[in-house]
Amino acid sequence: MFTGLVQSLATVKDIIPEGPGVRLVISDSMIALRSAVGDSIAISGCCLTVVSVDDESLTFEAGPETLVRTTLGDLSPGDRVNLETSLKMGDELGGHLVTGHIDAVGTIDARQDDAEWSTFWVRVPDDLMRQMASKGSVAVDGVSLTLVDVEDQRFSVALIPHTLHVTTLGSRQVGDRVNLETDVLAKYVQRQLEWARR
């Protein structure tokens, strides 16, 4: 589990083809020094397992399903990614509960900048909108955000200067793809309602 509070803006060092997937090497000495093989780390919201680590970088394996269903398949060496290590029992929950399981890839539909602040509109697959409500939570590229307005096929989020500066969201532009994870409680509510209608 994660909180959606990004701990580091890291750099993709290498992407190495491996069978049907890839080995993804991320350069980040701060996270690497406190990580071990087997740890779960969210990379732009997608939970992957550390398979190798040294003083400066972490290596992960990403299979074809992950590459197709998330933006990790779009990455190239030099790209930036958001990193967050997993929660430990007793840690403070500052964002919201995030599983690291990407529900869908959305598209930045509009970006409205006001000085150092921004409002993003994100276009989402129809079936995901049932799990969103104004003032609810959503993770965009692993960043815990509050939903502002929710329409039939898109939602808006308001981004403070700090978030724009320390995460990949600051560089996102209209047309860019982003990983999305809806609130885990909303998933369970939707599932219960579906069963109740049977």
N, C-alpha and C. Protein backbone atom coordinates (compact mmCIF):
# COMPACT_ATOMS: atom_id res chain seq x y z
N MET A 1 0.84 -1.19 0.00
CA MET A 1 0.00 0.00 0.00
C MET A 1 0.88 1.25 0.00
N PHE A 2 0.31 2.32 -0.54
CA PHE A 2 1.01 3.60 -0.64
C PHE A 2 0.05 4.71 -0.21
N THR A 3 0.56 5.95 -0.17
CA THR A 3 -0.28 7.08 0.22
C THR A 3 -0.51 8.07 -0.92
N GLY A 4 0.25 7.94 -2.02
CA GLY A 4 0.14 8.92 -3.09
C GLY A 4 0.94 10.18 -2.82
N LEU A 5 1.84 10.13 -1.82
CA LEU A 5 2.73 11.25 -1.56
C LEU A 5 4.10 10.91 -2.14
N VAL A 6 4.43 11.53 -3.26
CA VAL A 6 5.65 11.22 -3.99
C VAL A 6 6.87 11.59 -3.15
N GLN A 7 7.83 10.67 -3.09
CA GLN A 7 9.04 10.90 -2.29
C GLN A 7 10.22 11.35 -3.13
N SER A 8 10.17 11.07 -4.43
CA SER A 8 11.29 11.44 -5.28
C SER A 8 10.87 11.53 -6.74
N LEU A 9 11.45 12.50 -7.43
CA LEU A 9 11.29 12.63 -8.88
C LEU A 9 12.57 12.05 -9.48
N ALA A 10 12.47 10.82 -9.98
CA ALA A 10 13.65 10.05 -10.41
C ALA A 10 13.76 10.03 -11.94
N THR A 11 14.86 9.47 -12.42
CA THR A 11 15.15 9.43 -13.85
C THR A 11 15.29 7.99 -14.33
N VAL A 12 14.70 7.70 -15.49
CA VAL A 12 14.86 6.38 -16.11
C VAL A 12 16.28 6.30 -16.67
N LYS A 13 17.07 5.37 -16.14
CA LYS A 13 18.46 5.22 -16.57
C LYS A 13 18.57 4.32 -17.80
N ASP A 14 17.79 3.22 -17.81
CA ASP A 14 17.88 2.27 -18.92
C ASP A 14 16.62 1.43 -18.98
N ILE A 15 16.30 0.96 -20.18
CA ILE A 15 15.21 0.02 -20.38
C ILE A 15 15.78 -1.12 -21.21
N ILE A 16 15.83 -2.30 -20.61
CA ILE A 16 16.49 -3.44 -21.22
C ILE A 16 15.46 -4.50 -21.60
N PRO A 17 15.29 -4.80 -22.89
CA PRO A 17 14.34 -5.86 -23.28
C PRO A 17 14.72 -7.18 -22.61
N GLU A 18 13.70 -7.88 -22.11
CA GLU A 18 13.92 -9.14 -21.42
C GLU A 18 12.70 -10.03 -21.63
N GLY A 19 12.82 -11.04 -22.51
CA GLY A 19 11.68 -11.89 -22.82
C GLY A 19 10.55 -11.04 -23.36
N PRO A 20 9.32 -11.28 -22.86
CA PRO A 20 8.19 -10.47 -23.32
C PRO A 20 8.09 -9.11 -22.63
N GLY A 21 8.94 -8.88 -21.63
CA GLY A 21 8.89 -7.63 -20.87
C GLY A 21 10.19 -6.86 -20.94
N VAL A 22 10.46 -6.07 -19.90
CA VAL A 22 11.68 -5.28 -19.84
C VAL A 22 12.21 -5.24 -18.42
N ARG A 23 13.50 -4.94 -18.30
CA ARG A 23 14.09 -4.55 -17.02
C ARG A 23 14.18 -3.04 -17.03
N LEU A 24 13.59 -2.43 -16.05
CA LEU A 24 13.51 -0.98 -15.96
C LEU A 24 14.48 -0.51 -14.88
N VAL A 25 15.48 0.27 -15.28
CA VAL A 25 16.50 0.74 -14.33
C VAL A 25 16.24 2.21 -14.04
N ILE A 26 16.01 2.52 -12.76
CA ILE A 26 15.68 3.88 -12.32
C ILE A 26 16.82 4.42 -11.48
N SER A 27 17.31 5.60 -11.83
CA SER A 27 18.40 6.23 -11.09
C SER A 27 17.84 7.12 -9.99
N ASP A 28 18.15 6.77 -8.75
CA ASP A 28 17.72 7.58 -7.60
C ASP A 28 18.46 7.09 -6.36
N SER A 29 19.55 7.76 -6.01
CA SER A 29 20.38 7.30 -4.90
C SER A 29 19.65 7.38 -3.56
N MET A 30 18.79 8.37 -3.37
CA MET A 30 18.10 8.53 -2.09
C MET A 30 17.22 7.31 -1.78
N ILE A 31 16.43 6.88 -2.77
CA ILE A 31 15.55 5.72 -2.57
C ILE A 31 16.37 4.44 -2.59
N ALA A 32 17.37 4.37 -3.47
CA ALA A 32 18.17 3.15 -3.60
C ALA A 32 18.87 2.79 -2.29
N LEU A 33 19.39 3.78 -1.59
CA LEU A 33 20.16 3.53 -0.37
C LEU A 33 19.31 2.95 0.76
N ARG A 34 18.00 3.13 0.70
CA ARG A 34 17.15 2.58 1.76
C ARG A 34 16.22 1.49 1.25
N SER A 35 16.55 0.92 0.09
CA SER A 35 15.74 -0.14 -0.50
C SER A 35 16.50 -1.44 -0.57
N ALA A 36 15.75 -2.55 -0.70
CA ALA A 36 16.35 -3.88 -0.80
C ALA A 36 15.60 -4.68 -1.84
N VAL A 37 16.24 -5.72 -2.34
CA VAL A 37 15.58 -6.62 -3.28
C VAL A 37 14.31 -7.16 -2.63
N GLY A 38 13.21 -7.14 -3.37
CA GLY A 38 11.93 -7.60 -2.86
C GLY A 38 11.01 -6.49 -2.40
N ASP A 39 11.53 -5.28 -2.22
CA ASP A 39 10.69 -4.15 -1.81
C ASP A 39 9.70 -3.78 -2.92
N SER A 40 8.55 -3.29 -2.51
CA SER A 40 7.56 -2.77 -3.45
C SER A 40 7.69 -1.26 -3.53
N ILE A 41 7.80 -0.75 -4.74
CA ILE A 41 7.92 0.70 -4.96
C ILE A 41 6.97 1.10 -6.07
N ALA A 42 6.26 2.20 -5.86
CA ALA A 42 5.35 2.72 -6.88
C ALA A 42 6.13 3.61 -7.83
N ILE A 43 6.07 3.27 -9.12
CA ILE A 43 6.71 4.07 -10.16
C ILE A 43 5.61 4.76 -10.95
N SER A 44 5.49 6.07 -10.75
CA SER A 44 4.38 6.84 -11.33
C SER A 44 3.06 6.13 -11.08
N GLY A 45 2.93 5.61 -9.85
CA GLY A 45 1.68 5.01 -9.42
C GLY A 45 1.58 3.52 -9.60
N CYS A 46 2.49 2.91 -10.35
CA CYS A 46 2.43 1.48 -10.64
C CYS A 46 3.38 0.71 -9.72
N CYS A 47 2.84 -0.20 -8.92
CA CYS A 47 3.63 -0.95 -7.96
C CYS A 47 4.46 -2.02 -8.67
N LEU A 48 5.79 -1.96 -8.49
CA LEU A 48 6.70 -2.97 -9.02
C LEU A 48 7.64 -3.42 -7.91
N THR A 49 8.26 -4.58 -8.12
CA THR A 49 9.16 -5.16 -7.13
C THR A 49 10.61 -4.91 -7.51
N VAL A 50 11.40 -4.48 -6.55
CA VAL A 50 12.84 -4.28 -6.77
C VAL A 50 13.49 -5.65 -6.97
N VAL A 51 14.19 -5.83 -8.12
CA VAL A 51 14.88 -7.10 -8.38
C VAL A 51 16.39 -6.96 -8.27
N SER A 52 16.87 -5.72 -8.25
CA SER A 52 18.30 -5.45 -8.09
C SER A 52 18.46 -4.01 -7.62
N VAL A 53 19.48 -3.76 -6.79
CA VAL A 53 19.69 -2.41 -6.28
C VAL A 53 21.17 -2.20 -6.02
N ASP A 54 21.65 -0.98 -6.31
CA ASP A 54 23.00 -0.60 -5.91
C ASP A 54 22.91 0.79 -5.27
N ASP A 55 24.03 1.45 -5.08
CA ASP A 55 24.03 2.73 -4.37
C ASP A 55 23.32 3.85 -5.13
N GLU A 56 23.15 3.69 -6.43
CA GLU A 56 22.61 4.78 -7.23
C GLU A 56 21.32 4.46 -7.98
N SER A 57 20.98 3.19 -8.13
CA SER A 57 19.82 2.86 -8.95
C SER A 57 19.10 1.62 -8.46
N LEU A 58 17.85 1.48 -8.96
CA LEU A 58 17.01 0.34 -8.65
C LEU A 58 16.57 -0.28 -9.97
N THR A 59 16.47 -1.61 -9.99
CA THR A 59 16.02 -2.29 -11.20
C THR A 59 14.73 -3.05 -10.90
N PHE A 60 13.81 -2.98 -11.85
CA PHE A 60 12.51 -3.63 -11.75
C PHE A 60 12.26 -4.43 -13.02
N GLU A 61 11.38 -5.42 -12.93
CA GLU A 61 10.92 -6.15 -14.11
C GLU A 61 9.47 -5.78 -14.37
N ALA A 62 9.18 -5.41 -15.61
CA ALA A 62 7.81 -5.05 -15.99
C ALA A 62 7.38 -5.96 -17.14
N GLY A 63 6.29 -6.69 -16.93
CA GLY A 63 5.79 -7.62 -17.93
C GLY A 63 4.94 -6.93 -18.99
N PRO A 64 4.55 -7.67 -20.02
CA PRO A 64 3.77 -7.08 -21.11
C PRO A 64 2.44 -6.48 -20.68
N GLU A 65 1.77 -7.10 -19.70
CA GLU A 65 0.50 -6.56 -19.21
C GLU A 65 0.70 -5.18 -18.61
N THR A 66 1.74 -5.03 -17.80
CA THR A 66 2.05 -3.74 -17.18
C THR A 66 2.40 -2.70 -18.24
N LEU A 67 3.19 -3.09 -19.22
CA LEU A 67 3.63 -2.15 -20.26
C LEU A 67 2.47 -1.66 -21.12
N VAL A 68 1.48 -2.52 -21.35
CA VAL A 68 0.33 -2.17 -22.19
C VAL A 68 -0.70 -1.36 -21.42
N ARG A 69 -0.91 -1.70 -20.15
CA ARG A 69 -2.01 -1.11 -19.39
C ARG A 69 -1.62 0.10 -18.55
N THR A 70 -0.35 0.50 -18.60
CA THR A 70 0.11 1.69 -17.88
C THR A 70 0.98 2.52 -18.82
N THR A 71 1.41 3.67 -18.33
CA THR A 71 2.30 4.51 -19.14
C THR A 71 3.76 4.05 -19.07
N LEU A 72 4.05 3.02 -18.30
CA LEU A 72 5.43 2.54 -18.21
C LEU A 72 5.93 2.06 -19.57
N GLY A 73 5.03 1.59 -20.42
CA GLY A 73 5.41 1.17 -21.76
C GLY A 73 5.80 2.32 -22.67
N ASP A 74 5.48 3.55 -22.26
CA ASP A 74 5.82 4.75 -23.05
C ASP A 74 7.19 5.31 -22.69
N LEU A 75 7.80 4.80 -21.62
CA LEU A 75 9.03 5.41 -21.09
C LEU A 75 10.24 5.20 -21.99
N SER A 76 11.15 6.17 -21.93
CA SER A 76 12.44 6.10 -22.61
C SER A 76 13.52 6.55 -21.62
N PRO A 77 14.79 6.12 -21.82
CA PRO A 77 15.86 6.61 -20.95
C PRO A 77 15.88 8.14 -20.92
N GLY A 78 16.03 8.69 -19.72
CA GLY A 78 16.03 10.14 -19.53
C GLY A 78 14.70 10.69 -19.06
N ASP A 79 13.60 9.90 -19.21
CA ASP A 79 12.30 10.35 -18.73
C ASP A 79 12.29 10.39 -17.21
N ARG A 80 11.42 11.22 -16.66
CA ARG A 80 11.27 11.33 -15.21
C ARG A 80 10.07 10.52 -14.75
N VAL A 81 10.16 9.95 -13.55
CA VAL A 81 9.08 9.18 -12.95
C VAL A 81 8.96 9.55 -11.47
N ASN A 82 7.76 9.38 -10.94
CA ASN A 82 7.51 9.60 -9.51
C ASN A 82 7.78 8.30 -8.76
N LEU A 83 8.47 8.39 -7.63
CA LEU A 83 8.73 7.20 -6.81
C LEU A 83 8.14 7.38 -5.42
N GLU A 84 7.58 6.27 -4.91
CA GLU A 84 7.12 6.23 -3.53
C GLU A 84 7.35 4.82 -2.99
N THR A 85 8.00 4.72 -1.84
CA THR A 85 8.17 3.42 -1.20
C THR A 85 6.88 3.04 -0.48
N SER A 86 6.73 1.74 -0.22
CA SER A 86 5.48 1.26 0.37
C SER A 86 5.37 1.65 1.84
N LEU A 87 4.12 1.69 2.29
CA LEU A 87 3.83 2.00 3.69
C LEU A 87 4.32 0.89 4.61
N LYS A 88 4.72 1.28 5.80
CA LYS A 88 5.02 0.32 6.85
C LYS A 88 3.99 0.52 7.96
N MET A 89 3.71 -0.53 8.70
CA MET A 89 2.75 -0.43 9.80
C MET A 89 3.16 0.70 10.74
N GLY A 90 2.24 1.59 11.04
CA GLY A 90 2.51 2.70 11.93
C GLY A 90 2.89 3.98 11.21
N ASP A 91 3.14 3.91 9.88
CA ASP A 91 3.46 5.13 9.13
C ASP A 91 2.26 6.06 9.09
N GLU A 92 2.54 7.35 9.00
CA GLU A 92 1.48 8.34 8.87
C GLU A 92 0.87 8.28 7.48
N LEU A 93 -0.45 8.32 7.41
CA LEU A 93 -1.16 8.29 6.13
C LEU A 93 -1.52 9.72 5.76
N GLY A 94 -0.67 10.36 4.96
CA GLY A 94 -0.87 11.77 4.64
C GLY A 94 -1.71 12.02 3.40
N GLY A 95 -1.77 11.06 2.49
CA GLY A 95 -2.57 11.22 1.27
C GLY A 95 -3.86 10.44 1.40
N HIS A 96 -3.99 9.37 0.59
CA HIS A 96 -5.10 8.44 0.75
C HIS A 96 -4.57 7.05 0.42
N LEU A 97 -5.32 6.01 0.73
CA LEU A 97 -4.85 4.65 0.47
C LEU A 97 -4.77 4.39 -1.02
N VAL A 98 -3.56 4.06 -1.46
CA VAL A 98 -3.29 3.79 -2.88
C VAL A 98 -2.67 2.41 -2.97
N THR A 99 -3.20 1.55 -3.86
CA THR A 99 -2.72 0.17 -3.94
C THR A 99 -1.54 0.00 -4.89
N GLY A 100 -1.38 0.92 -5.84
CA GLY A 100 -0.35 0.76 -6.85
C GLY A 100 -0.80 -0.08 -8.03
N HIS A 101 -2.11 -0.38 -8.08
CA HIS A 101 -2.68 -1.13 -9.19
C HIS A 101 -3.42 -0.15 -10.10
N ILE A 102 -2.88 0.10 -11.26
CA ILE A 102 -3.43 1.11 -12.17
C ILE A 102 -4.75 0.63 -12.76
N ASP A 103 -5.78 1.48 -12.66
CA ASP A 103 -7.10 1.13 -13.19
C ASP A 103 -7.22 1.43 -14.68
N ALA A 104 -6.58 2.49 -15.13
CA ALA A 104 -6.67 2.89 -16.53
C ALA A 104 -5.65 3.98 -16.81
N VAL A 105 -5.45 4.23 -18.08
CA VAL A 105 -4.62 5.36 -18.50
C VAL A 105 -5.56 6.45 -18.99
N GLY A 106 -5.39 7.66 -18.44
CA GLY A 106 -6.18 8.81 -18.87
C GLY A 106 -5.33 9.73 -19.72
N THR A 107 -5.97 10.77 -20.24
CA THR A 107 -5.29 11.74 -21.10
C THR A 107 -5.54 13.15 -20.58
N ILE A 108 -4.49 13.96 -20.50
CA ILE A 108 -4.68 15.36 -20.10
C ILE A 108 -5.49 16.05 -21.20
N ASP A 109 -6.69 16.49 -20.84
CA ASP A 109 -7.63 17.08 -21.79
C ASP A 109 -7.48 18.60 -21.86
N ALA A 110 -7.09 19.20 -20.74
CA ALA A 110 -6.89 20.66 -20.68
C ALA A 110 -5.97 20.97 -19.51
N ARG A 111 -5.18 22.03 -19.67
CA ARG A 111 -4.33 22.52 -18.58
C ARG A 111 -4.50 24.02 -18.52
N GLN A 112 -4.98 24.49 -17.35
CA GLN A 112 -5.20 25.92 -17.16
C GLN A 112 -4.23 26.41 -16.09
N ASP A 113 -3.25 27.21 -16.51
CA ASP A 113 -2.24 27.73 -15.59
C ASP A 113 -2.63 29.11 -15.10
N ASP A 114 -2.44 29.34 -13.80
CA ASP A 114 -2.70 30.65 -13.19
C ASP A 114 -1.51 30.97 -12.31
N ALA A 115 -0.56 31.73 -12.86
CA ALA A 115 0.73 31.97 -12.20
C ALA A 115 1.40 30.62 -11.99
N GLU A 116 1.72 30.27 -10.74
CA GLU A 116 2.41 29.00 -10.47
C GLU A 116 1.45 27.86 -10.14
N TRP A 117 0.17 28.10 -10.26
CA TRP A 117 -0.85 27.09 -9.95
C TRP A 117 -1.43 26.56 -11.25
N SER A 118 -1.99 25.35 -11.21
CA SER A 118 -2.60 24.79 -12.42
C SER A 118 -3.85 23.98 -12.09
N THR A 119 -4.78 23.96 -13.03
CA THR A 119 -5.92 23.06 -12.99
C THR A 119 -5.81 22.15 -14.20
N PHE A 120 -5.85 20.86 -13.96
CA PHE A 120 -5.81 19.87 -15.04
C PHE A 120 -7.19 19.25 -15.20
N TRP A 121 -7.59 19.04 -16.46
CA TRP A 121 -8.75 18.21 -16.77
C TRP A 121 -8.22 16.93 -17.38
N VAL A 122 -8.69 15.80 -16.86
CA VAL A 122 -8.21 14.50 -17.33
C VAL A 122 -9.38 13.71 -17.91
N ARG A 123 -9.22 13.26 -19.15
CA ARG A 123 -10.25 12.44 -19.81
C ARG A 123 -10.01 10.99 -19.44
N VAL A 124 -11.11 10.30 -19.10
CA VAL A 124 -11.04 8.98 -18.49
C VAL A 124 -12.00 8.02 -19.20
N PRO A 125 -11.67 6.73 -19.28
CA PRO A 125 -12.63 5.75 -19.80
C PRO A 125 -13.95 5.81 -19.02
N ASP A 126 -15.06 5.67 -19.73
CA ASP A 126 -16.40 5.83 -19.13
C ASP A 126 -16.61 5.02 -17.86
N ASP A 127 -16.21 3.73 -17.87
CA ASP A 127 -16.52 2.87 -16.73
C ASP A 127 -15.83 3.31 -15.45
N LEU A 128 -14.75 4.07 -15.57
CA LEU A 128 -14.04 4.53 -14.38
C LEU A 128 -14.73 5.71 -13.70
N MET A 129 -15.52 6.46 -14.45
CA MET A 129 -16.17 7.65 -13.89
C MET A 129 -17.16 7.33 -12.78
N ARG A 130 -17.68 6.10 -12.78
CA ARG A 130 -18.64 5.71 -11.73
C ARG A 130 -17.96 5.67 -10.36
N GLN A 131 -16.64 5.60 -10.33
CA GLN A 131 -15.91 5.52 -9.07
C GLN A 131 -15.38 6.88 -8.62
N MET A 132 -15.84 7.95 -9.25
CA MET A 132 -15.33 9.28 -8.92
C MET A 132 -16.45 10.22 -8.48
N ALA A 133 -16.14 11.02 -7.48
CA ALA A 133 -17.08 12.01 -6.98
C ALA A 133 -16.31 13.25 -6.55
N SER A 134 -16.92 14.41 -6.73
CA SER A 134 -16.28 15.66 -6.32
C SER A 134 -15.89 15.59 -4.85
N LYS A 135 -14.68 16.01 -4.55
CA LYS A 135 -14.06 16.00 -3.23
C LYS A 135 -13.59 14.61 -2.82
N GLY A 136 -13.71 13.64 -3.72
CA GLY A 136 -13.14 12.33 -3.47
C GLY A 136 -11.66 12.33 -3.84
N SER A 137 -11.05 11.16 -3.80
CA SER A 137 -9.62 11.06 -4.07
C SER A 137 -9.34 10.29 -5.36
N VAL A 138 -8.23 10.64 -5.99
CA VAL A 138 -7.74 9.93 -7.17
C VAL A 138 -6.21 10.04 -7.16
N ALA A 139 -5.55 9.01 -7.69
CA ALA A 139 -4.10 9.06 -7.85
C ALA A 139 -3.81 9.23 -9.34
N VAL A 140 -3.09 10.30 -9.69
CA VAL A 140 -2.69 10.58 -11.07
C VAL A 140 -1.18 10.46 -11.14
N ASP A 141 -0.69 9.49 -11.91
CA ASP A 141 0.75 9.19 -11.94
C ASP A 141 1.29 8.96 -10.53
N GLY A 142 0.45 8.37 -9.67
CA GLY A 142 0.86 8.06 -8.31
C GLY A 142 0.75 9.19 -7.32
N VAL A 143 0.23 10.34 -7.77
CA VAL A 143 0.10 11.51 -6.89
C VAL A 143 -1.32 11.57 -6.33
N SER A 144 -1.46 11.58 -5.02
CA SER A 144 -2.76 11.68 -4.37
C SER A 144 -3.34 13.08 -4.58
N LEU A 145 -4.53 13.14 -5.20
CA LEU A 145 -5.17 14.42 -5.49
C LEU A 145 -6.64 14.38 -5.13
N THR A 146 -7.20 15.56 -4.90
CA THR A 146 -8.63 15.68 -4.62
C THR A 146 -9.37 16.06 -5.90
N LEU A 147 -10.43 15.31 -6.20
CA LEU A 147 -11.25 15.63 -7.37
C LEU A 147 -12.00 16.93 -7.13
N VAL A 148 -11.96 17.82 -8.09
CA VAL A 148 -12.67 19.09 -7.97
C VAL A 148 -14.03 18.97 -8.66
N ASP A 149 -14.03 18.93 -9.98
CA ASP A 149 -15.27 18.75 -10.74
C ASP A 149 -15.23 17.41 -11.46
N VAL A 150 -16.37 16.74 -11.50
CA VAL A 150 -16.48 15.44 -12.16
C VAL A 150 -17.60 15.52 -13.19
N GLU A 151 -17.24 15.29 -14.45
CA GLU A 151 -18.22 15.30 -15.55
C GLU A 151 -18.40 13.86 -16.04
N ASP A 152 -19.11 13.68 -17.16
CA ASP A 152 -19.41 12.34 -17.65
C ASP A 152 -18.16 11.58 -18.08
N GLN A 153 -17.19 12.27 -18.68
CA GLN A 153 -16.03 11.57 -19.21
C GLN A 153 -14.69 12.18 -18.78
N ARG A 154 -14.73 13.14 -17.85
CA ARG A 154 -13.49 13.73 -17.41
C ARG A 154 -13.66 14.34 -16.02
N PHE A 155 -12.51 14.61 -15.38
CA PHE A 155 -12.52 15.22 -14.06
C PHE A 155 -11.43 16.28 -14.00
N SER A 156 -11.53 17.17 -13.01
CA SER A 156 -10.49 18.18 -12.83
C SER A 156 -9.84 18.04 -11.47
N VAL A 157 -8.56 18.45 -11.41
CA VAL A 157 -7.81 18.50 -10.17
C VAL A 157 -7.07 19.82 -10.13
N ALA A 158 -6.93 20.40 -8.94
CA ALA A 158 -6.19 21.65 -8.76
C ALA A 158 -4.82 21.31 -8.18
N LEU A 159 -3.77 21.81 -8.83
CA LEU A 159 -2.40 21.48 -8.43
C LEU A 159 -1.68 22.69 -7.87
N ILE A 160 -1.13 22.53 -6.67
CA ILE A 160 -0.40 23.61 -6.03
C ILE A 160 1.03 23.67 -6.61
N PRO A 161 1.72 24.79 -6.45
CA PRO A 161 3.08 24.91 -6.99
C PRO A 161 4.02 23.80 -6.52
N HIS A 162 3.93 23.41 -5.25
CA HIS A 162 4.81 22.36 -4.73
C HIS A 162 4.66 21.06 -5.51
N THR A 163 3.41 20.63 -5.73
CA THR A 163 3.14 19.39 -6.47
C THR A 163 3.68 19.48 -7.89
N LEU A 164 3.49 20.62 -8.53
CA LEU A 164 3.98 20.80 -9.89
C LEU A 164 5.51 20.75 -9.95
N HIS A 165 6.14 21.18 -8.87
CA HIS A 165 7.61 21.24 -8.85
C HIS A 165 8.26 19.90 -8.54
N VAL A 166 7.65 19.09 -7.65
CA VAL A 166 8.32 17.89 -7.16
C VAL A 166 7.79 16.58 -7.77
N THR A 167 6.87 16.66 -8.74
CA THR A 167 6.36 15.47 -9.40
C THR A 167 6.39 15.66 -10.92
N THR A 168 6.11 14.59 -11.63
CA THR A 168 6.07 14.65 -13.09
C THR A 168 4.92 15.51 -13.61
N LEU A 169 3.94 15.80 -12.76
CA LEU A 169 2.75 16.54 -13.23
C LEU A 169 3.11 17.94 -13.73
N GLY A 170 4.17 18.52 -13.21
CA GLY A 170 4.57 19.86 -13.65
C GLY A 170 4.91 19.93 -15.12
N SER A 171 5.38 18.83 -15.69
CA SER A 171 5.77 18.82 -17.10
C SER A 171 4.68 18.28 -18.01
N ARG A 172 3.57 17.82 -17.45
CA ARG A 172 2.50 17.24 -18.26
C ARG A 172 1.78 18.32 -19.07
N GLN A 173 1.49 17.99 -20.33
CA GLN A 173 0.81 18.90 -21.24
C GLN A 173 -0.41 18.21 -21.84
N VAL A 174 -1.26 18.98 -22.51
CA VAL A 174 -2.45 18.43 -23.15
C VAL A 174 -2.05 17.32 -24.12
N GLY A 175 -2.75 16.20 -24.03
CA GLY A 175 -2.47 15.05 -24.87
C GLY A 175 -1.60 14.01 -24.20
N ASP A 176 -0.92 14.37 -23.10
CA ASP A 176 -0.08 13.40 -22.40
C ASP A 176 -0.94 12.36 -21.70
N ARG A 177 -0.42 11.14 -21.64
CA ARG A 177 -1.09 10.04 -20.96
C ARG A 177 -0.62 9.94 -19.52
N VAL A 178 -1.54 9.61 -18.60
CA VAL A 178 -1.21 9.50 -17.18
C VAL A 178 -1.86 8.25 -16.60
N ASN A 179 -1.17 7.66 -15.61
CA ASN A 179 -1.72 6.50 -14.89
C ASN A 179 -2.77 6.97 -13.90
N LEU A 180 -3.86 6.22 -13.81
CA LEU A 180 -4.96 6.57 -12.91
C LEU A 180 -5.30 5.41 -11.99
N GLU A 181 -5.51 5.73 -10.72
CA GLU A 181 -6.05 4.77 -9.77
C GLU A 181 -7.13 5.47 -8.96
N THR A 182 -8.34 4.92 -9.02
CA THR A 182 -9.45 5.50 -8.26
C THR A 182 -9.34 5.07 -6.80
N ASP A 183 -10.13 5.69 -5.96
CA ASP A 183 -10.12 5.39 -4.53
C ASP A 183 -10.57 3.95 -4.30
N VAL A 184 -9.82 3.21 -3.50
CA VAL A 184 -10.11 1.80 -3.28
C VAL A 184 -11.49 1.60 -2.66
N LEU A 185 -11.95 2.51 -1.80
CA LEU A 185 -13.27 2.38 -1.20
C LEU A 185 -14.37 2.51 -2.26
N ALA A 186 -14.16 3.37 -3.25
CA ALA A 186 -15.14 3.54 -4.32
C ALA A 186 -15.31 2.25 -5.13
N LYS A 187 -14.23 1.51 -5.30
CA LYS A 187 -14.30 0.24 -6.03
C LYS A 187 -15.21 -0.74 -5.31
N TYR A 188 -15.04 -0.84 -3.98
CA TYR A 188 -15.84 -1.78 -3.21
C TYR A 188 -17.32 -1.37 -3.20
N VAL A 189 -17.57 -0.08 -3.09
CA VAL A 189 -18.96 0.39 -3.12
C VAL A 189 -19.60 0.05 -4.45
N GLN A 190 -18.90 0.32 -5.56
CA GLN A 190 -19.44 0.01 -6.88
C GLN A 190 -19.73 -1.48 -7.01
N ARG A 191 -18.80 -2.31 -6.54
CA ARG A 191 -18.99 -3.76 -6.64
C ARG A 191 -20.20 -4.22 -5.84
N GLN A 192 -20.37 -3.69 -4.64
CA GLN A 192 -21.53 -4.06 -3.82
C GLN A 192 -22.84 -3.64 -4.48
N LEU A 193 -22.85 -2.46 -5.08
CA LEU A 193 -24.07 -2.00 -5.77
C LEU A 193 -24.39 -2.89 -6.96
N GLU A 194 -23.36 -3.33 -7.68
CA GLU A 194 -23.58 -4.22 -8.81
C GLU A 194 -24.19 -5.54 -8.35
N TRP A 195 -23.68 -6.07 -7.26
CA TRP A 195 -24.22 -7.34 -6.71
C TRP A 195 -25.64 -7.14 -6.21
N ALA A 196 -25.93 -5.99 -5.61
CA ALA A 196 -27.28 -5.74 -5.07
C ALA A 196 -28.31 -5.68 -6.19
N ARG A 197 -27.90 -5.29 -7.40
CA ARG A 197 -28.85 -5.18 -8.51
C ARG A 197 -29.13 -6.51 -9.20
N ARG A 198 -28.42 -7.55 -8.81
CA ARG A 198 -28.62 -8.87 -9.46
C ARG A 198 -29.91 -9.53 -9.01
